[in-house]
């Protein structure tokens, strides 16, 4: 399993979990409550040219492999899960982000291993103080075990 395969497995799991649990965000937009389905991507959000198009991407979850650490006994891929929501409620809009991040955290920990991805202990969730209201951003960092590269003899594979 490559780091990207690991991220794709987590993405697939989160997409299914959002559907299974009927997870969506309810946001206030121009004084009205709107239900928005959660979009889950691997790697990066699709590129957008306008602010309106960027707003339509929310709520979104992006699962990205950030780096790989090969140790003596094991290999770990660091995965960062970015979570963004759009909510213009002046008092409680940050709650939408907290809820979605907690949903993701609880689903991943309660189902560990997720498919064939074993999540290492030490998941970390962060929401920074600086936010670009009405868009909110947080991230979850975790490590997952991946297969460690092994030395092989090419002549055994090629047959020479």
C-alpha atoms as a PDB file:
ATOM      1  CA  UNK A   1       0.000   0.000   0.000  1.00  0.00           C
ATOM      2  CA  UNK A   2       1.410   3.373  -1.008  1.00  0.00           C
ATOM      3  CA  UNK A   3       0.823   6.595   0.965  1.00  0.00           C
ATOM      4  CA  UNK A   4      -1.699   7.695  -1.675  1.00  0.00           C
ATOM      5  CA  UNK A   5      -3.513   4.335  -1.446  1.00  0.00           C
ATOM      6  CA  UNK A   6      -3.726   4.864   2.308  1.00  0.00           C
ATOM      7  CA  UNK A   7      -5.274   8.325   1.841  1.00  0.00           C
ATOM      8  CA  UNK A   8      -7.718   6.979  -0.763  1.00  0.00           C
ATOM      9  CA  UNK A   9      -8.830   4.222   1.615  1.00  0.00           C
ATOM     10  CA  UNK A  10      -9.539   6.774   4.350  1.00  0.00           C
ATOM     11  CA  UNK A  11     -11.339   9.026   1.834  1.00  0.00           C
ATOM     12  CA  UNK A  12     -13.556   6.162   0.724  1.00  0.00           C
ATOM     13  CA  UNK A  13     -14.328   5.241   4.312  1.00  0.00           C
ATOM     14  CA  UNK A  14     -15.257   8.827   5.226  1.00  0.00           C
ATOM     15  CA  UNK A  15     -17.507   9.191   2.156  1.00  0.00           C
ATOM     16  CA  UNK A  16     -19.358   6.031   3.142  1.00  0.00           C
ATOM     17  CA  UNK A  17     -19.565   7.063   6.809  1.00  0.00           C
ATOM     18  CA  UNK A  18     -21.096  10.434   5.883  1.00  0.00           C
ATOM     19  CA  UNK A  19     -23.739   8.667   3.798  1.00  0.00           C
ATOM     20  CA  UNK A  20     -24.387   5.897   6.322  1.00  0.00           C
ATOM     21  CA  UNK A  21     -24.881   8.329   9.197  1.00  0.00           C
ATOM     22  CA  UNK A  22     -26.696  10.907   7.044  1.00  0.00           C
ATOM     23  CA  UNK A  23     -24.012  13.409   7.982  1.00  0.00           C
ATOM     24  CA  UNK A  24     -24.295  16.901   6.544  1.00  0.00           C
ATOM     25  CA  UNK A  25     -23.819  20.407   7.827  1.00  0.00           C
ATOM     26  CA  UNK A  26     -26.619  22.808   8.531  1.00  0.00           C
ATOM     27  CA  UNK A  27     -25.397  26.336   7.928  1.00  0.00           C
ATOM     28  CA  UNK A  28     -26.990  29.722   8.078  1.00  0.00           C
ATOM     29  CA  UNK A  29     -26.719  31.596   4.848  1.00  0.00           C
ATOM     30  CA  UNK A  30     -28.419  34.973   4.449  1.00  0.00           C
ATOM     31  CA  UNK A  31     -30.593  34.223   7.480  1.00  0.00           C
ATOM     32  CA  UNK A  32     -31.786  30.813   6.270  1.00  0.00           C
ATOM     33  CA  UNK A  33     -30.735  27.327   7.308  1.00  0.00           C
ATOM     34  CA  UNK A  34     -29.272  25.278   4.473  1.00  0.00           C
ATOM     35  CA  UNK A  35     -28.307  21.569   4.564  1.00  0.00           C
ATOM     36  CA  UNK A  36     -25.044  20.917   2.743  1.00  0.00           C
ATOM     37  CA  UNK A  37     -23.718  17.419   1.931  1.00  0.00           C
ATOM     38  CA  UNK A  38     -20.121  16.747   2.899  1.00  0.00           C
ATOM     39  CA  UNK A  39     -17.726  16.387  -0.007  1.00  0.00           C
ATOM     40  CA  UNK A  40     -14.652  14.232   0.587  1.00  0.00           C
ATOM     41  CA  UNK A  41     -11.549  14.375  -1.608  1.00  0.00           C
ATOM     42  CA  UNK A  42      -8.104  12.800  -1.692  1.00  0.00           C
ATOM     43  CA  UNK A  43      -5.136  15.129  -2.171  1.00  0.00           C
ATOM     44  CA  UNK A  44      -6.471  18.606  -2.845  1.00  0.00           C
ATOM     45  CA  UNK A  45      -9.704  20.476  -3.393  1.00  0.00           C
ATOM     46  CA  UNK A  46     -10.538  20.969  -7.068  1.00  0.00           C
ATOM     47  CA  UNK A  47      -9.247  24.322  -8.335  1.00  0.00           C
ATOM     48  CA  UNK A  48     -11.774  27.167  -8.487  1.00  0.00           C
ATOM     49  CA  UNK A  49     -11.665  30.519 -10.243  1.00  0.00           C
ATOM     50  CA  UNK A  50     -14.261  32.434  -8.210  1.00  0.00           C
ATOM     51  CA  UNK A  51     -15.150  32.967  -4.575  1.00  0.00           C
ATOM     52  CA  UNK A  52     -18.660  31.659  -5.287  1.00  0.00           C
ATOM     53  CA  UNK A  53     -17.233  28.411  -6.647  1.00  0.00           C
ATOM     54  CA  UNK A  54     -14.986  28.075  -3.583  1.00  0.00           C
ATOM     55  CA  UNK A  55     -17.981  28.586  -1.316  1.00  0.00           C
ATOM     56  CA  UNK A  56     -19.844  25.773  -3.131  1.00  0.00           C
ATOM     57  CA  UNK A  57     -17.016  23.374  -2.229  1.00  0.00           C
ATOM     58  CA  UNK A  58     -17.923  23.659   1.451  1.00  0.00           C
ATOM     59  CA  UNK A  59     -18.324  21.608   3.528  1.00  0.00           C
ATOM     60  CA  UNK A  60     -15.316  19.649   2.383  1.00  0.00           C
ATOM     61  CA  UNK A  61     -12.915  17.121   3.796  1.00  0.00           C
ATOM     62  CA  UNK A  62      -9.533  16.594   2.127  1.00  0.00           C
ATOM     63  CA  UNK A  63      -7.372  13.593   3.017  1.00  0.00           C
ATOM     64  CA  UNK A  64      -3.737  14.069   2.074  1.00  0.00           C
ATOM     65  CA  UNK A  65      -0.571  12.065   2.692  1.00  0.00           C
ATOM     66  CA  UNK A  66       1.992  14.583   3.933  1.00  0.00           C
ATOM     67  CA  UNK A  67       5.147  12.547   4.536  1.00  0.00           C
ATOM     68  CA  UNK A  68       6.508   9.071   5.110  1.00  0.00           C
ATOM     69  CA  UNK A  69       8.866   7.960   7.869  1.00  0.00           C
ATOM     70  CA  UNK A  70      10.731   4.703   7.402  1.00  0.00           C
ATOM     71  CA  UNK A  71      12.014   3.367  10.703  1.00  0.00           C
ATOM     72  CA  UNK A  72      14.017   0.283  11.595  1.00  0.00           C
ATOM     73  CA  UNK A  73      10.931  -1.855  12.211  1.00  0.00           C
ATOM     74  CA  UNK A  74       8.031  -0.002  10.567  1.00  0.00           C
ATOM     75  CA  UNK A  75       6.982   2.619   8.035  1.00  0.00           C
ATOM     76  CA  UNK A  76       4.453   5.312   8.839  1.00  0.00           C
ATOM     77  CA  UNK A  77       2.643   7.724   6.557  1.00  0.00           C
ATOM     78  CA  UNK A  78       1.520  11.004   8.100  1.00  0.00           C
ATOM     79  CA  UNK A  79      -1.985  11.843   6.927  1.00  0.00           C
ATOM     80  CA  UNK A  80      -3.539  15.268   7.334  1.00  0.00           C
ATOM     81  CA  UNK A  81      -7.311  15.568   7.039  1.00  0.00           C
ATOM     82  CA  UNK A  82      -8.322  19.147   6.275  1.00  0.00           C
ATOM     83  CA  UNK A  83     -11.884  20.107   7.141  1.00  0.00           C
ATOM     84  CA  UNK A  84     -13.559  23.282   5.902  1.00  0.00           C
ATOM     85  CA  UNK A  85     -17.088  24.590   6.330  1.00  0.00           C
ATOM     86  CA  UNK A  86     -18.867  27.787   5.377  1.00  0.00           C
ATOM     87  CA  UNK A  87     -21.215  29.295   7.943  1.00  0.00           C
ATOM     88  CA  UNK A  88     -22.086  32.974   8.416  1.00  0.00           C
ATOM     89  CA  UNK A  89     -23.862  32.623  11.776  1.00  0.00           C
ATOM     90  CA  UNK A  90     -22.225  35.351  13.885  1.00  0.00           C
ATOM     91  CA  UNK A  91     -22.513  33.470  17.197  1.00  0.00           C
ATOM     92  CA  UNK A  92     -22.233  29.730  16.627  1.00  0.00           C
ATOM     93  CA  UNK A  93     -20.792  29.137  13.178  1.00  0.00           C
ATOM     94  CA  UNK A  94     -17.616  27.557  14.562  1.00  0.00           C
ATOM     95  CA  UNK A  95     -19.789  24.801  16.033  1.00  0.00           C
ATOM     96  CA  UNK A  96     -20.297  23.368  12.546  1.00  0.00           C
ATOM     97  CA  UNK A  97     -16.568  22.804  12.172  1.00  0.00           C
ATOM     98  CA  UNK A  98     -16.222  21.296  15.657  1.00  0.00           C
ATOM     99  CA  UNK A  99     -19.076  18.881  14.972  1.00  0.00           C
ATOM    100  CA  UNK A 100     -17.682  17.662  11.643  1.00  0.00           C
ATOM    101  CA  UNK A 101     -14.177  17.220  13.019  1.00  0.00           C
ATOM    102  CA  UNK A 102     -15.488  15.244  15.992  1.00  0.00           C
ATOM    103  CA  UNK A 103     -17.570  13.048  13.671  1.00  0.00           C
ATOM    104  CA  UNK A 104     -14.454  12.235  11.623  1.00  0.00           C
ATOM    105  CA  UNK A 105     -12.301  11.619  14.688  1.00  0.00           C
ATOM    106  CA  UNK A 106     -14.867   9.334  16.326  1.00  0.00           C
ATOM    107  CA  UNK A 107     -15.536   7.336  13.152  1.00  0.00           C
ATOM    108  CA  UNK A 108     -11.834   6.744  12.456  1.00  0.00           C
ATOM    109  CA  UNK A 109     -11.005   5.739  16.020  1.00  0.00           C
ATOM    110  CA  UNK A 110     -14.078   3.522  16.483  1.00  0.00           C
ATOM    111  CA  UNK A 111     -13.415   1.628  13.224  1.00  0.00           C
ATOM    112  CA  UNK A 112      -9.628   1.307  13.529  1.00  0.00           C
ATOM    113  CA  UNK A 113      -8.331  -0.345  11.395  1.00  0.00           C
ATOM    114  CA  UNK A 114     -10.154   1.476   8.612  1.00  0.00           C
ATOM    115  CA  UNK A 115     -10.270  -1.053   5.805  1.00  0.00           C
ATOM    116  CA  UNK A 116      -6.679  -2.249   5.585  1.00  0.00           C
ATOM    117  CA  UNK A 117      -5.290   0.954   7.153  1.00  0.00           C
ATOM    118  CA  UNK A 118      -4.165   0.690  10.772  1.00  0.00           C
ATOM    119  CA  UNK A 119      -4.069   4.095  12.457  1.00  0.00           C
ATOM    120  CA  UNK A 120      -1.264   4.560  14.985  1.00  0.00           C
ATOM    121  CA  UNK A 121      -2.037   5.980  18.442  1.00  0.00           C
ATOM    122  CA  UNK A 122      -1.719   9.747  18.781  1.00  0.00           C
ATOM    123  CA  UNK A 123      -4.290  11.367  16.482  1.00  0.00           C
ATOM    124  CA  UNK A 124      -4.295  15.173  16.855  1.00  0.00           C
ATOM    125  CA  UNK A 125      -7.083  17.625  15.923  1.00  0.00           C
ATOM    126  CA  UNK A 126      -6.397  21.362  15.593  1.00  0.00           C
ATOM    127  CA  UNK A 127      -8.523  24.433  14.997  1.00  0.00           C
ATOM    128  CA  UNK A 128      -6.441  27.583  14.866  1.00  0.00           C
ATOM    129  CA  UNK A 129      -7.512  30.920  16.291  1.00  0.00           C
ATOM    130  CA  UNK A 130      -7.201  32.732  12.970  1.00  0.00           C
ATOM    131  CA  UNK A 131     -10.205  31.966  10.767  1.00  0.00           C
ATOM    132  CA  UNK A 132     -11.363  33.553   7.496  1.00  0.00           C
ATOM    133  CA  UNK A 133     -14.994  34.060   8.574  1.00  0.00           C
ATOM    134  CA  UNK A 134     -17.404  32.833   7.242  1.00  0.00           C
ATOM    135  CA  UNK A 135     -15.172  29.973   6.121  1.00  0.00           C
ATOM    136  CA  UNK A 136     -13.774  27.828   8.912  1.00  0.00           C
ATOM    137  CA  UNK A 137     -10.807  25.467   8.722  1.00  0.00           C
ATOM    138  CA  UNK A 138      -9.417  22.752  10.969  1.00  0.00           C
ATOM    139  CA  UNK A 139      -7.246  19.710  10.501  1.00  0.00           C
ATOM    140  CA  UNK A 140      -6.683  16.264  11.932  1.00  0.00           C
ATOM    141  CA  UNK A 141      -3.240  14.689  11.884  1.00  0.00           C
ATOM    142  CA  UNK A 142      -2.672  10.961  12.165  1.00  0.00           C
ATOM    143  CA  UNK A 143      -0.078   8.365  11.340  1.00  0.00           C
ATOM    144  CA  UNK A 144      -0.909   5.076   9.636  1.00  0.00           C
ATOM    145  CA  UNK A 145       1.237   2.007   9.203  1.00  0.00           C
ATOM    146  CA  UNK A 146       2.211   1.105   5.651  1.00  0.00           C
ATOM    147  CA  UNK A 147       4.291  -1.687   4.202  1.00  0.00           C
ATOM    148  CA  UNK A 148       7.971  -1.162   4.641  1.00  0.00           C
ATOM    149  CA  UNK A 149      10.070  -1.404   1.483  1.00  0.00           C
ATOM    150  CA  UNK A 150      12.196  -4.515   1.439  1.00  0.00           C
ATOM    151  CA  UNK A 151      15.404  -5.254  -0.398  1.00  0.00           C
ATOM    152  CA  UNK A 152      14.949  -7.720  -3.202  1.00  0.00           C
ATOM    153  CA  UNK A 153      17.181  -9.337  -5.754  1.00  0.00           C
ATOM    154  CA  UNK A 154      16.160  -8.323  -9.281  1.00  0.00           C
ATOM    155  CA  UNK A 155      17.388 -11.606 -10.747  1.00  0.00           C
ATOM    156  CA  UNK A 156      14.762 -13.461  -8.692  1.00  0.00           C
ATOM    157  CA  UNK A 157      11.991 -11.367 -10.213  1.00  0.00           C
ATOM    158  CA  UNK A 158      13.358 -11.210 -13.770  1.00  0.00           C
ATOM    159  CA  UNK A 159      14.471 -14.839 -13.776  1.00  0.00           C
ATOM    160  CA  UNK A 160      18.068 -14.427 -14.903  1.00  0.00           C
END
